[in-house]
Structure formats: C-alpha cells, structure tokens
C-alpha cells in the first residue's frame, strides 16, 4: 500500500466519523425538542381543563343564586280585602306579587285590626304550632287567605283599619311589614269579629275550602 492510498483512506474514515457524529447530535436534538413539545402540549391541555372546570363551577353557582326565591312583602297596594256576604260569609285577603320575580309566602298573614295588640288567630295551627305552609307566588301572580265570618260572633263589627305582617319560616319570625290598610280611605266595609284566618293558598277556592266557606 502506497503512502497516497493510506492518506486517502484515513481521510475517508475521518469524514465518515464526522458524519455519524453529526447525525447522532441531530437525532438527540430532535428527540429533546419532541419531548419538550409533548410536555408543553400536555401542560396546555391540563390548563384548559382547569379553566373549563372552574368556569363550570362558577356558572353553576351563578345559576343557583339566580334560582333563589325571595320572600314576599306586603304593601298597601299589594294586599286587598273584600267582604263576601251570605250563608258562607267571609273576608277574602288577596296578595298580588307585582314584581317580575317569584316570591315565597309562609303560613298565614298576621292581621291586627284596629291597632289590636295581638294578630288574628290562625285557623290552621297556632303561632307556636305552625303546619309549615309555604307557597311560591309567581311573578304578577296572586295568593289568597280567608277569614270566615258566617256567624254573628265571627262577623262582629266593622273595622277601620288593619296592619299586615308576613310570617317567616319560624313561628316567631316576620319577613316584612307591617303595611297598614285604611278601610275608610278605600271605602271598604270590612266586618271581623272573633274569627280566625286561614293559611295562604294559591287559589281563592282553596282558601275558601280551608276556611269552611267553600262551595
């Protein structure tokens, strides 16, 4: 073997070794870059999932808050009274929910006629032993209660005014009130004696039946 051939062969081996080293380095870089890309993609996916889950929980909380039904409250214009005569005589108490949201009523209205110290007794239960009536009055809807006045004792005498409170969940709680209705000012003739008031009902017929004056 001549010296020239030996030099050519040595140069070829050196070039081959250099090429292999470059290829291995490139492969390592690509592998490292791919791992970084996968890790970044996985992290981004987890972050998105967390955002979606968090957003869902917040939306659920907002939905629950919007579904909470507030208590109804009385006013001179929202509670009206009318006297029905005849064998099934009674005073009808009508509440109008004049708002655009549903509201809740509990048990019965608390009615103090002519500035009485104590409200009219309850026909269904007593202030200390309530039966837990709770109704939802739809937006712009109505609720009713009845005071039977079909005997001389229960009809009593004509009243001048009434103060109205709305009961809460418990026997001692009051949600809102009082609101006062002046019967003379409204030209109403309302006679109530030793009577009692029914619980709230979603219909006047239901209230009349509860008061024993229904048809």
N, C-alpha and C. Protein backbone atom coordinates (compact mmCIF):
# COMPACT_ATOMS: atom_id res chain seq x y z
N UNK A 1 0.86 -1.19 0.00
CA UNK A 1 0.00 0.00 0.00
C UNK A 1 0.90 1.24 0.00
N UNK A 2 0.60 2.15 -0.92
CA UNK A 2 1.43 3.35 -1.03
C UNK A 2 1.00 4.37 0.01
N UNK A 3 1.84 5.36 0.23
CA UNK A 3 1.54 6.40 1.21
C UNK A 3 0.33 7.22 0.79
N UNK A 4 0.13 7.41 -0.57
CA UNK A 4 -1.01 8.19 -1.06
C UNK A 4 -2.31 7.51 -0.72
N UNK A 5 -2.37 6.16 -1.00
CA UNK A 5 -3.61 5.42 -0.71
C UNK A 5 -3.94 5.46 0.79
N UNK A 6 -2.91 5.36 1.58
CA UNK A 6 -3.10 5.37 3.04
C UNK A 6 -3.71 6.70 3.49
N UNK A 7 -3.25 7.80 2.90
CA UNK A 7 -3.79 9.12 3.26
C UNK A 7 -5.25 9.25 2.84
N UNK A 8 -5.55 8.73 1.60
CA UNK A 8 -6.95 8.80 1.12
C UNK A 8 -7.88 8.02 2.03
N UNK A 9 -7.46 6.85 2.45
CA UNK A 9 -8.30 6.00 3.29
C UNK A 9 -8.52 6.66 4.67
N UNK A 10 -7.45 7.23 5.23
CA UNK A 10 -7.57 7.90 6.53
C UNK A 10 -8.54 9.08 6.46
N UNK A 11 -8.49 9.82 5.35
CA UNK A 11 -9.38 10.97 5.18
C UNK A 11 -10.83 10.52 5.08
N UNK A 12 -11.05 9.39 4.37
CA UNK A 12 -12.42 8.86 4.20
C UNK A 12 -12.99 8.43 5.54
N UNK A 13 -12.15 7.76 6.36
CA UNK A 13 -12.61 7.32 7.68
C UNK A 13 -12.98 8.52 8.56
N UNK A 14 -12.17 9.54 8.48
CA UNK A 14 -12.42 10.75 9.28
C UNK A 14 -13.73 11.42 8.89
N UNK A 15 -14.00 11.49 7.56
CA UNK A 15 -15.24 12.11 7.07
C UNK A 15 -16.45 11.31 7.52
N UNK A 16 -16.30 9.92 7.45
CA UNK A 16 -17.40 9.06 7.87
C UNK A 16 -17.71 9.25 9.36
N UNK A 17 -16.66 9.33 10.17
CA UNK A 17 -16.85 9.51 11.61
C UNK A 17 -17.53 10.85 11.93
N UNK A 18 -17.14 11.87 11.19
CA UNK A 18 -17.72 13.20 11.39
C UNK A 18 -19.20 13.21 11.04
N UNK A 19 -19.53 12.53 9.94
CA UNK A 19 -20.94 12.47 9.51
C UNK A 19 -21.79 11.75 10.52
N UNK A 20 -21.28 10.62 11.05
CA UNK A 20 -22.04 9.87 12.06
C UNK A 20 -22.27 10.70 13.33
N UNK A 21 -21.26 11.43 13.75
CA UNK A 21 -21.39 12.27 14.95
C UNK A 21 -22.45 13.35 14.77
N UNK A 22 -22.45 13.95 13.57
CA UNK A 22 -23.44 15.00 13.28
C UNK A 22 -24.85 14.44 13.29
N UNK A 23 -25.00 13.23 12.70
CA UNK A 23 -26.33 12.60 12.63
C UNK A 23 -26.86 12.30 14.02
N UNK A 24 -25.95 11.75 14.89
CA UNK A 24 -26.37 11.43 16.25
C UNK A 24 -26.76 12.68 17.04
N UNK A 25 -26.01 13.76 16.83
CA UNK A 25 -26.31 15.02 17.52
C UNK A 25 -27.66 15.57 17.09
N UNK A 26 -27.96 15.46 15.75
CA UNK A 26 -29.22 15.96 15.23
C UNK A 26 -30.39 15.16 15.78
N UNK A 27 -30.17 13.83 15.85
CA UNK A 27 -31.23 12.96 16.38
C UNK A 27 -31.53 13.30 17.84
N UNK A 28 -30.50 13.55 18.62
CA UNK A 28 -30.66 13.92 20.03
C UNK A 28 -31.43 15.21 20.19
N UNK A 29 -31.13 16.18 19.35
CA UNK A 29 -31.81 17.47 19.40
C UNK A 29 -33.29 17.32 19.10
N UNK A 30 -33.55 16.55 18.01
CA UNK A 30 -34.95 16.34 17.60
C UNK A 30 -35.74 15.65 18.70
N UNK A 31 -35.11 14.64 19.34
CA UNK A 31 -35.78 13.90 20.40
C UNK A 31 -36.10 14.80 21.58
N UNK A 32 -35.11 15.63 21.94
CA UNK A 32 -35.28 16.55 23.06
C UNK A 32 -36.37 17.57 22.76
N UNK A 33 -36.41 18.08 21.53
CA UNK A 33 -37.41 19.06 21.11
C UNK A 33 -38.80 18.44 21.14
N UNK A 34 -38.90 17.17 20.70
CA UNK A 34 -40.20 16.47 20.67
C UNK A 34 -40.74 16.30 22.07
N UNK A 35 -39.83 15.92 23.03
CA UNK A 35 -40.26 15.75 24.41
C UNK A 35 -40.77 17.07 24.98
N UNK A 36 -40.05 18.16 24.66
CA UNK A 36 -40.46 19.47 25.15
C UNK A 36 -41.83 19.85 24.61
N UNK A 37 -42.06 19.54 23.30
CA UNK A 37 -43.32 19.87 22.65
C UNK A 37 -44.48 19.10 23.28
N UNK A 38 -44.22 17.78 23.54
CA UNK A 38 -45.28 16.95 24.16
C UNK A 38 -45.61 17.47 25.56
N UNK A 39 -44.56 17.82 26.32
CA UNK A 39 -44.76 18.30 27.68
C UNK A 39 -45.55 19.60 27.69
N UNK A 40 -45.19 20.50 26.75
CA UNK A 40 -45.89 21.77 26.64
C UNK A 40 -47.34 21.57 26.26
N UNK A 41 -47.59 20.64 25.31
CA UNK A 41 -48.97 20.36 24.87
C UNK A 41 -49.79 19.80 26.01
N UNK A 42 -49.19 18.88 26.80
CA UNK A 42 -49.88 18.28 27.93
C UNK A 42 -50.23 19.32 28.98
N UNK A 43 -49.27 20.23 29.26
CA UNK A 43 -49.50 21.29 30.25
C UNK A 43 -50.62 22.22 29.82
N UNK A 44 -50.62 22.56 28.50
CA UNK A 44 -51.65 23.44 27.97
C UNK A 44 -53.03 22.79 28.08
N UNK A 45 -53.09 21.48 27.79
CA UNK A 45 -54.35 20.75 27.86
C UNK A 45 -54.89 20.74 29.29
N UNK A 46 -53.98 20.50 30.28
CA UNK A 46 -54.41 20.48 31.67
C UNK A 46 -54.92 21.86 32.09
N UNK A 47 -54.23 22.90 31.62
CA UNK A 47 -54.63 24.26 31.97
C UNK A 47 -56.02 24.57 31.44
N UNK A 48 -56.27 24.12 30.19
CA UNK A 48 -57.59 24.35 29.59
C UNK A 48 -58.67 23.62 30.38
N UNK A 49 -58.35 22.36 30.78
CA UNK A 49 -59.32 21.59 31.55
C UNK A 49 -59.66 22.28 32.87
N UNK A 50 -58.59 22.81 33.53
CA UNK A 50 -58.83 23.51 34.78
C UNK A 50 -59.72 24.71 34.58
N UNK A 51 -59.48 25.45 33.48
CA UNK A 51 -60.29 26.64 33.19
C UNK A 51 -61.73 26.26 32.95
N UNK A 52 -61.94 25.18 32.19
CA UNK A 52 -63.30 24.75 31.87
C UNK A 52 -64.03 24.32 33.14
N UNK A 53 -63.33 23.52 33.99
CA UNK A 53 -63.94 23.05 35.22
C UNK A 53 -64.28 24.23 36.13
N UNK A 54 -63.33 25.16 36.27
CA UNK A 54 -63.55 26.33 37.10
C UNK A 54 -64.70 27.18 36.59
N UNK A 55 -64.77 27.37 35.29
CA UNK A 55 -65.84 28.15 34.69
C UNK A 55 -67.18 27.50 34.90
N UNK A 56 -67.22 26.15 34.82
CA UNK A 56 -68.46 25.42 35.03
C UNK A 56 -68.97 25.58 36.44
N UNK A 57 -68.07 25.53 37.41
CA UNK A 57 -68.45 25.68 38.82
C UNK A 57 -68.99 27.08 39.08
N UNK A 58 -68.33 28.08 38.47
CA UNK A 58 -68.79 29.46 38.66
C UNK A 58 -70.17 29.65 38.06
N UNK A 59 -70.39 29.05 36.86
CA UNK A 59 -71.69 29.16 36.21
C UNK A 59 -72.77 28.49 37.04
N UNK A 60 -72.44 27.32 37.62
CA UNK A 60 -73.40 26.61 38.45
C UNK A 60 -73.77 27.44 39.68
N UNK A 61 -72.76 28.09 40.27
CA UNK A 61 -73.01 28.93 41.44
C UNK A 61 -73.91 30.11 41.09
N UNK A 62 -73.65 30.71 39.93
CA UNK A 62 -74.47 31.85 39.49
C UNK A 62 -75.89 31.39 39.23
N UNK A 63 -76.04 30.19 38.64
CA UNK A 63 -77.38 29.66 38.37
C UNK A 63 -78.15 29.41 39.65
N UNK A 64 -77.47 28.86 40.67
CA UNK A 64 -78.12 28.58 41.96
C UNK A 64 -78.57 29.88 42.61
N UNK A 65 -77.70 30.91 42.51
CA UNK A 65 -78.05 32.21 43.10
C UNK A 65 -79.27 32.80 42.43
N UNK A 66 -79.34 32.65 41.08
CA UNK A 66 -80.47 33.22 40.35
C UNK A 66 -81.77 32.48 40.63
N UNK A 67 -81.64 31.20 41.11
CA UNK A 67 -82.83 30.43 41.39
C UNK A 67 -83.37 30.65 42.80
N UNK A 68 -82.67 31.38 43.65
CA UNK A 68 -83.15 31.66 44.99
C UNK A 68 -84.41 32.51 44.92
N UNK A 69 -85.44 32.06 45.61
CA UNK A 69 -86.71 32.79 45.58
C UNK A 69 -86.80 33.69 46.81
N UNK A 70 -86.94 34.99 46.63
CA UNK A 70 -87.01 35.89 47.80
C UNK A 70 -88.36 35.81 48.50
N UNK A 71 -88.43 36.35 49.71
CA UNK A 71 -89.69 36.41 50.46
C UNK A 71 -90.58 37.50 49.86
N UNK A 72 -91.88 37.27 49.93
CA UNK A 72 -92.83 38.31 49.52
C UNK A 72 -92.92 39.35 50.64
N UNK A 73 -93.34 40.54 50.30
CA UNK A 73 -93.52 41.56 51.33
C UNK A 73 -94.81 42.33 51.06
N UNK A 74 -95.49 42.76 52.13
CA UNK A 74 -96.78 43.44 51.97
C UNK A 74 -96.64 44.92 51.68
N UNK A 75 -97.68 45.48 51.11
CA UNK A 75 -97.78 46.93 50.96
C UNK A 75 -99.26 47.27 50.83
N UNK A 76 -99.55 48.54 50.97
CA UNK A 76 -100.94 48.99 50.89
C UNK A 76 -101.57 48.62 49.55
N UNK A 77 -100.74 48.55 48.51
CA UNK A 77 -101.28 48.29 47.17
C UNK A 77 -101.25 46.82 46.79
N UNK A 78 -100.48 46.02 47.54
CA UNK A 78 -100.34 44.61 47.18
C UNK A 78 -101.32 43.69 47.91
N UNK A 79 -101.85 44.15 49.05
CA UNK A 79 -102.79 43.34 49.83
C UNK A 79 -104.15 44.03 49.83
N UNK A 80 -105.17 43.33 49.37
CA UNK A 80 -106.51 43.90 49.32
C UNK A 80 -107.49 43.01 50.07
N UNK A 81 -108.60 43.61 50.52
CA UNK A 81 -109.60 42.90 51.30
C UNK A 81 -110.97 43.09 50.65
N UNK A 82 -111.79 42.04 50.72
CA UNK A 82 -113.16 42.15 50.22
C UNK A 82 -114.07 41.30 51.09
N UNK A 83 -115.29 41.81 51.34
CA UNK A 83 -116.26 41.11 52.20
C UNK A 83 -117.27 40.39 51.33
N UNK A 84 -117.43 39.10 51.58
CA UNK A 84 -118.43 38.29 50.89
C UNK A 84 -119.57 38.03 51.88
N UNK A 85 -120.80 38.22 51.42
CA UNK A 85 -121.95 38.04 52.31
C UNK A 85 -122.66 36.73 52.01
N UNK A 86 -123.70 36.44 52.81
CA UNK A 86 -124.47 35.22 52.59
C UNK A 86 -124.15 34.16 53.63
N UNK A 87 -124.71 32.95 53.44
CA UNK A 87 -124.50 31.86 54.40
C UNK A 87 -123.03 31.49 54.59
N UNK A 88 -122.24 31.69 53.55
CA UNK A 88 -120.81 31.37 53.63
C UNK A 88 -119.98 32.66 53.66
N UNK A 89 -120.45 33.60 54.43
CA UNK A 89 -119.81 34.92 54.53
C UNK A 89 -118.36 34.80 54.98
N UNK A 90 -117.52 35.60 54.38
CA UNK A 90 -116.09 35.62 54.76
C UNK A 90 -115.43 36.86 54.19
N UNK A 91 -114.27 37.16 54.74
CA UNK A 91 -113.42 38.23 54.21
C UNK A 91 -112.29 37.56 53.44
N UNK A 92 -112.14 37.95 52.18
CA UNK A 92 -111.06 37.42 51.35
C UNK A 92 -109.87 38.37 51.41
N UNK A 93 -108.69 37.81 51.67
CA UNK A 93 -107.44 38.57 51.68
C UNK A 93 -106.65 38.16 50.44
N UNK A 94 -106.37 39.12 49.59
CA UNK A 94 -105.67 38.81 48.33
C UNK A 94 -104.34 39.54 48.27
N UNK A 95 -103.29 38.79 47.98
CA UNK A 95 -101.95 39.38 47.81
C UNK A 95 -101.56 39.28 46.34
N UNK A 96 -101.04 40.37 45.80
CA UNK A 96 -100.54 40.37 44.43
C UNK A 96 -99.03 40.55 44.42
N UNK A 97 -98.34 39.64 43.74
CA UNK A 97 -96.90 39.79 43.54
C UNK A 97 -96.71 40.67 42.31
N UNK A 98 -96.48 41.94 42.54
CA UNK A 98 -96.38 42.89 41.43
C UNK A 98 -94.98 42.97 40.83
N UNK A 99 -94.07 42.11 41.30
CA UNK A 99 -92.70 42.12 40.77
C UNK A 99 -92.57 41.15 39.60
N UNK A 100 -91.42 41.16 38.95
CA UNK A 100 -91.17 40.28 37.81
C UNK A 100 -90.46 39.00 38.24
N UNK A 101 -90.39 38.75 39.56
CA UNK A 101 -89.77 37.53 40.09
C UNK A 101 -90.74 36.79 41.00
N UNK A 102 -90.59 35.48 41.08
CA UNK A 102 -91.37 34.70 42.04
C UNK A 102 -90.99 35.13 43.45
N UNK A 103 -91.91 34.91 44.41
CA UNK A 103 -91.59 35.16 45.81
C UNK A 103 -92.30 34.14 46.69
N UNK A 104 -91.85 34.01 47.95
CA UNK A 104 -92.37 32.99 48.85
C UNK A 104 -93.24 33.61 49.95
N UNK A 105 -94.31 32.85 50.30
CA UNK A 105 -95.15 33.19 51.44
C UNK A 105 -95.16 32.01 52.40
N UNK A 106 -95.14 32.30 53.71
CA UNK A 106 -95.14 31.25 54.72
C UNK A 106 -96.41 31.33 55.56
N UNK A 107 -96.98 30.18 55.85
CA UNK A 107 -98.09 30.05 56.80
C UNK A 107 -99.24 31.00 56.47
N UNK A 108 -99.51 31.98 57.33
CA UNK A 108 -100.68 32.85 57.13
C UNK A 108 -100.29 34.31 57.31
N UNK A 109 -101.14 35.22 56.83
CA UNK A 109 -100.87 36.64 57.10
C UNK A 109 -101.16 36.95 58.57
N UNK A 110 -100.38 37.84 59.15
CA UNK A 110 -100.63 38.31 60.51
C UNK A 110 -101.41 39.62 60.41
N UNK A 111 -102.65 39.61 60.91
CA UNK A 111 -103.56 40.74 60.73
C UNK A 111 -103.96 41.31 62.08
N UNK A 112 -103.67 42.59 62.27
CA UNK A 112 -104.07 43.28 63.50
C UNK A 112 -105.10 44.35 63.13
N UNK A 113 -106.37 44.06 63.42
CA UNK A 113 -107.44 45.01 63.09
C UNK A 113 -107.56 46.07 64.18
N UNK A 114 -107.76 47.31 63.75
CA UNK A 114 -107.96 48.45 64.67
C UNK A 114 -106.85 48.54 65.72
N UNK A 115 -105.63 48.38 65.30
CA UNK A 115 -104.45 48.50 66.18
C UNK A 115 -104.46 47.51 67.35
N UNK A 116 -105.01 46.34 67.12
CA UNK A 116 -105.02 45.31 68.17
C UNK A 116 -103.59 44.91 68.53
N UNK A 117 -103.40 44.53 69.81
CA UNK A 117 -102.06 44.14 70.26
C UNK A 117 -101.65 42.80 69.68
N UNK A 118 -102.62 41.90 69.53
CA UNK A 118 -102.33 40.57 69.01
C UNK A 118 -102.98 40.38 67.65
N UNK A 119 -102.33 39.63 66.76
CA UNK A 119 -102.92 39.39 65.46
C UNK A 119 -104.09 38.42 65.54
N UNK A 120 -104.88 38.40 64.52
CA UNK A 120 -105.99 37.46 64.42
C UNK A 120 -105.45 36.03 64.54
N UNK A 121 -106.09 35.17 65.35
CA UNK A 121 -105.60 33.80 65.49
C UNK A 121 -105.60 33.05 64.15
N UNK A 122 -104.78 32.02 64.09
CA UNK A 122 -104.69 31.21 62.87
C UNK A 122 -105.69 30.07 62.93
N UNK A 123 -106.36 29.84 61.82
CA UNK A 123 -107.32 28.75 61.74
C UNK A 123 -106.62 27.40 61.64
N UNK A 124 -105.47 27.39 60.97
CA UNK A 124 -104.71 26.15 60.78
C UNK A 124 -103.45 26.22 61.63
N UNK A 125 -103.53 25.66 62.83
CA UNK A 125 -102.40 25.74 63.74
C UNK A 125 -102.47 27.00 64.57
N UNK A 126 -101.47 27.24 65.37
CA UNK A 126 -101.37 28.43 66.21
C UNK A 126 -99.99 29.04 65.97
N UNK A 127 -99.76 30.29 66.41
CA UNK A 127 -98.44 30.89 66.21
C UNK A 127 -97.30 30.03 66.73
N UNK A 128 -97.55 29.20 67.75
CA UNK A 128 -96.49 28.34 68.29
C UNK A 128 -96.44 26.96 67.65
N UNK A 129 -97.47 26.61 66.88
CA UNK A 129 -97.54 25.28 66.26
C UNK A 129 -98.01 25.43 64.82
N UNK A 130 -97.10 25.79 63.96
CA UNK A 130 -97.43 26.03 62.55
C UNK A 130 -97.40 24.73 61.77
N UNK A 131 -98.16 24.71 60.68
CA UNK A 131 -98.15 23.49 59.87
C UNK A 131 -97.16 23.55 58.71
N UNK A 132 -96.39 24.64 58.65
CA UNK A 132 -95.31 24.71 57.66
C UNK A 132 -95.73 25.02 56.24
N UNK A 133 -96.88 25.66 56.07
CA UNK A 133 -97.31 26.03 54.72
C UNK A 133 -96.31 26.99 54.09
N UNK A 134 -95.96 26.69 52.85
CA UNK A 134 -95.05 27.57 52.11
C UNK A 134 -95.46 27.51 50.65
N UNK A 135 -95.79 28.64 50.08
CA UNK A 135 -96.18 28.66 48.67
C UNK A 135 -95.31 29.66 47.91
N UNK A 136 -95.12 29.38 46.64
CA UNK A 136 -94.39 30.30 45.77
C UNK A 136 -95.40 31.04 44.91
N UNK A 137 -95.37 32.35 44.98
CA UNK A 137 -96.28 33.18 44.20
C UNK A 137 -95.54 33.61 42.93
N UNK A 138 -96.03 33.21 41.76
CA UNK A 138 -95.32 33.57 40.52
C UNK A 138 -95.33 35.07 40.28
N UNK A 139 -94.42 35.51 39.44
CA UNK A 139 -94.37 36.93 39.08
C UNK A 139 -95.73 37.38 38.56
N UNK A 140 -96.23 38.47 39.10
CA UNK A 140 -97.54 39.04 38.75
C UNK A 140 -98.69 38.09 39.07
N UNK A 141 -98.43 37.13 39.96
CA UNK A 141 -99.47 36.19 40.36
C UNK A 141 -100.10 36.58 41.70
N UNK A 142 -100.98 35.69 42.21
CA UNK A 142 -101.76 36.01 43.41
C UNK A 142 -101.70 34.88 44.44
N UNK A 143 -101.99 35.24 45.70
CA UNK A 143 -102.18 34.28 46.79
C UNK A 143 -103.37 34.77 47.61
N UNK A 144 -104.02 33.83 48.30
CA UNK A 144 -105.26 34.17 48.99
C UNK A 144 -105.30 33.56 50.39
N UNK A 145 -105.98 34.26 51.30
CA UNK A 145 -106.32 33.74 52.63
C UNK A 145 -107.76 34.16 52.90
N UNK A 146 -108.41 33.47 53.82
CA UNK A 146 -109.82 33.73 54.09
C UNK A 146 -110.07 33.84 55.59
N UNK A 147 -110.94 34.79 55.97
CA UNK A 147 -111.40 34.94 57.35
C UNK A 147 -112.89 34.61 57.37
N UNK A 148 -113.29 33.46 57.89
CA UNK A 148 -114.72 33.11 57.93
C UNK A 148 -115.49 34.07 58.84
N UNK A 149 -116.64 34.59 58.35
CA UNK A 149 -117.50 35.49 59.14
C UNK A 149 -118.95 35.06 58.99
N UNK A 150 -119.18 33.75 59.04
CA UNK A 150 -120.53 33.22 58.76
C UNK A 150 -121.38 33.03 60.00
N UNK A 151 -120.95 33.57 61.15
CA UNK A 151 -121.78 33.61 62.35
C UNK A 151 -121.73 35.03 62.92
N UNK A 152 -122.66 35.34 63.79
CA UNK A 152 -122.70 36.68 64.37
C UNK A 152 -121.42 37.00 65.14
N UNK A 153 -120.89 36.00 65.85
CA UNK A 153 -119.68 36.23 66.66
C UNK A 153 -118.45 36.45 65.78
N UNK A 154 -118.37 35.70 64.69
CA UNK A 154 -117.19 35.84 63.83
C UNK A 154 -117.29 37.09 62.94
N UNK A 155 -118.51 37.51 62.65
CA UNK A 155 -118.65 38.72 61.82
C UNK A 155 -118.36 39.97 62.64
N UNK A 156 -118.84 39.99 63.86
CA UNK A 156 -118.51 41.11 64.75
C UNK A 156 -118.92 42.46 64.21
N UNK A 157 -118.00 43.42 64.31
CA UNK A 157 -118.29 44.79 63.92
C UNK A 157 -117.38 45.25 62.78
N UNK A 158 -117.76 46.36 62.22
CA UNK A 158 -116.98 46.91 61.10
C UNK A 158 -115.65 47.45 61.61
N UNK A 159 -114.61 47.18 60.86
CA UNK A 159 -113.25 47.57 61.25
C UNK A 159 -112.83 48.84 60.49
N UNK A 160 -111.92 49.59 61.11
CA UNK A 160 -111.45 50.82 60.49
C UNK A 160 -110.17 50.63 59.68
N UNK A 161 -109.29 49.77 60.20
CA UNK A 161 -108.01 49.58 59.52
C UNK A 161 -107.43 48.23 59.90
N UNK A 162 -106.37 47.83 59.22
CA UNK A 162 -105.66 46.59 59.54
C UNK A 162 -104.18 46.78 59.25
N UNK A 163 -103.35 46.27 60.15
CA UNK A 163 -101.89 46.24 59.94
C UNK A 163 -101.52 44.82 59.54
N UNK A 164 -100.71 44.70 58.48
CA UNK A 164 -100.40 43.38 57.91
C UNK A 164 -98.91 43.10 58.01
N UNK A 165 -98.59 41.94 58.58
CA UNK A 165 -97.22 41.42 58.58
C UNK A 165 -97.23 40.09 57.84
N UNK A 166 -96.11 39.74 57.22
CA UNK A 166 -95.97 38.42 56.60
C UNK A 166 -95.07 37.55 57.46
N UNK A 167 -95.53 36.38 57.78
CA UNK A 167 -94.78 35.47 58.63
C UNK A 167 -93.57 34.91 57.91
N UNK A 168 -92.55 34.53 58.71
CA UNK A 168 -91.37 33.87 58.17
C UNK A 168 -91.47 32.36 58.34
N UNK A 169 -90.32 31.69 58.26
CA UNK A 169 -90.30 30.24 58.36
C UNK A 169 -90.69 29.77 59.75
N UNK A 170 -90.18 30.43 60.78
CA UNK A 170 -90.46 30.02 62.15
C UNK A 170 -91.67 30.77 62.70
N UNK A 171 -92.15 30.30 63.83
CA UNK A 171 -93.35 30.88 64.43
C UNK A 171 -93.14 32.32 64.86
N UNK A 172 -91.91 32.66 65.26
CA UNK A 172 -91.65 34.00 65.80
C UNK A 172 -91.08 34.97 64.77
N UNK A 173 -90.81 34.50 63.57
CA UNK A 173 -90.17 35.38 62.59
C UNK A 173 -91.18 36.06 61.68
N UNK A 174 -90.83 37.27 61.28
CA UNK A 174 -91.65 38.05 60.36
C UNK A 174 -90.74 38.49 59.22
N UNK A 175 -91.16 38.26 57.98
CA UNK A 175 -90.28 38.59 56.85
C UNK A 175 -90.30 40.09 56.56
N UNK A 176 -91.48 40.65 56.44
CA UNK A 176 -91.60 42.08 56.13
C UNK A 176 -92.89 42.62 56.72
N UNK A 177 -92.92 43.93 56.96
CA UNK A 177 -94.13 44.56 57.43
C UNK A 177 -93.82 45.52 58.58
N UNK A 178 -94.84 46.11 59.17
CA UNK A 178 -96.23 45.97 58.71
C UNK A 178 -96.58 47.00 57.64
N UNK A 179 -97.63 46.67 56.90
CA UNK A 179 -98.25 47.63 55.99
C UNK A 179 -99.67 47.85 56.53
N UNK A 180 -100.14 49.07 56.48
CA UNK A 180 -101.46 49.39 57.03
C UNK A 180 -102.44 49.77 55.92
N UNK A 181 -103.62 49.16 56.00
CA UNK A 181 -104.68 49.49 55.05
C UNK A 181 -105.78 50.22 55.80
N UNK A 182 -106.12 51.42 55.34
CA UNK A 182 -107.19 52.23 55.92
C UNK A 182 -108.47 51.93 55.14
N UNK A 183 -109.41 51.22 55.79
CA UNK A 183 -110.63 50.81 55.09
C UNK A 183 -111.51 52.00 54.72
N UNK A 184 -111.59 53.00 55.60
CA UNK A 184 -112.42 54.17 55.32
C UNK A 184 -111.88 54.92 54.10
N UNK A 185 -110.55 55.05 54.05
CA UNK A 185 -109.91 55.74 52.93
C UNK A 185 -110.19 55.03 51.61
N UNK A 186 -110.26 53.70 51.67
CA UNK A 186 -110.51 52.92 50.46
C UNK A 186 -112.00 52.61 50.25
N UNK A 187 -112.81 53.16 51.15
CA UNK A 187 -114.27 52.98 51.09
C UNK A 187 -114.65 51.49 51.12
N UNK A 188 -114.01 50.78 52.03
CA UNK A 188 -114.28 49.36 52.22
C UNK A 188 -115.05 49.15 53.52
N UNK A 189 -115.99 48.22 53.51
CA UNK A 189 -116.75 47.88 54.70
C UNK A 189 -116.39 46.44 55.07
N UNK A 190 -115.46 46.32 56.01
CA UNK A 190 -114.94 45.01 56.41
C UNK A 190 -115.31 44.76 57.86
N UNK A 191 -116.09 43.69 58.09
CA UNK A 191 -116.51 43.33 59.44
C UNK A 191 -115.86 42.02 59.85
N UNK A 192 -115.16 42.06 60.98
CA UNK A 192 -114.47 40.88 61.51
C UNK A 192 -114.65 40.86 63.02
N UNK A 193 -115.04 39.69 63.56
CA UNK A 193 -115.21 39.56 65.00
C UNK A 193 -114.25 38.53 65.55
N UNK A 194 -114.78 37.56 66.31
CA UNK A 194 -113.96 36.51 66.90
C UNK A 194 -113.73 35.40 65.88
N UNK A 195 -112.98 35.73 64.88
CA UNK A 195 -112.73 34.78 63.80
C UNK A 195 -111.26 34.43 63.74
N UNK A 196 -110.91 33.61 62.74
CA UNK A 196 -109.51 33.21 62.52
C UNK A 196 -109.22 33.31 61.03
N UNK A 197 -107.94 33.35 60.70
CA UNK A 197 -107.54 33.47 59.30
C UNK A 197 -106.88 32.17 58.84
N UNK A 198 -107.16 31.78 57.61
CA UNK A 198 -106.56 30.57 57.04
C UNK A 198 -105.13 30.83 56.61
N UNK A 199 -104.43 29.77 56.29
CA UNK A 199 -103.10 29.90 55.70
C UNK A 199 -103.24 30.41 54.26
N UNK A 200 -102.13 30.83 53.70
CA UNK A 200 -102.12 31.26 52.31
C UNK A 200 -102.42 30.08 51.39
N UNK A 201 -103.09 30.38 50.30
CA UNK A 201 -103.39 29.37 49.28
C UNK A 201 -103.14 29.98 47.91
N UNK A 202 -102.85 29.13 46.95
CA UNK A 202 -102.59 29.62 45.59
C UNK A 202 -103.88 29.99 44.86
N UNK A 203 -105.02 29.59 45.41
CA UNK A 203 -106.30 29.91 44.76
C UNK A 203 -107.32 30.34 45.81
N UNK A 204 -108.27 31.17 45.41
CA UNK A 204 -109.32 31.60 46.33
C UNK A 204 -110.19 30.42 46.71
N UNK A 205 -110.40 29.50 45.80
CA UNK A 205 -111.21 28.32 46.09
C UNK A 205 -110.55 27.47 47.18
N UNK A 206 -109.23 27.30 47.09
CA UNK A 206 -108.50 26.55 48.11
C UNK A 206 -108.59 27.21 49.46
N UNK A 207 -108.48 28.53 49.51
CA UNK A 207 -108.58 29.27 50.77
C UNK A 207 -109.98 29.15 51.36
N UNK A 208 -111.01 29.23 50.50
CA UNK A 208 -112.39 29.11 50.98
C UNK A 208 -112.66 27.73 51.55
N UNK A 209 -112.15 26.70 50.91
CA UNK A 209 -112.32 25.34 51.42
C UNK A 209 -111.64 25.19 52.79
N UNK A 210 -110.43 25.76 52.92
CA UNK A 210 -109.71 25.69 54.20
C UNK A 210 -110.47 26.41 55.30
N UNK A 211 -111.21 27.45 54.92
CA UNK A 211 -111.98 28.22 55.91
C UNK A 211 -113.36 27.68 56.15
N UNK A 212 -113.72 26.61 55.44
CA UNK A 212 -115.05 26.03 55.63
C UNK A 212 -116.16 26.83 55.00
N UNK A 213 -115.81 27.70 54.04
CA UNK A 213 -116.84 28.53 53.39
C UNK A 213 -116.82 28.32 51.87
N UNK A 214 -116.22 27.21 51.46
CA UNK A 214 -116.15 26.92 50.02
C UNK A 214 -117.42 26.28 49.53
N UNK A 215 -117.58 26.28 48.21
CA UNK A 215 -118.78 25.70 47.61
C UNK A 215 -118.53 24.23 47.28
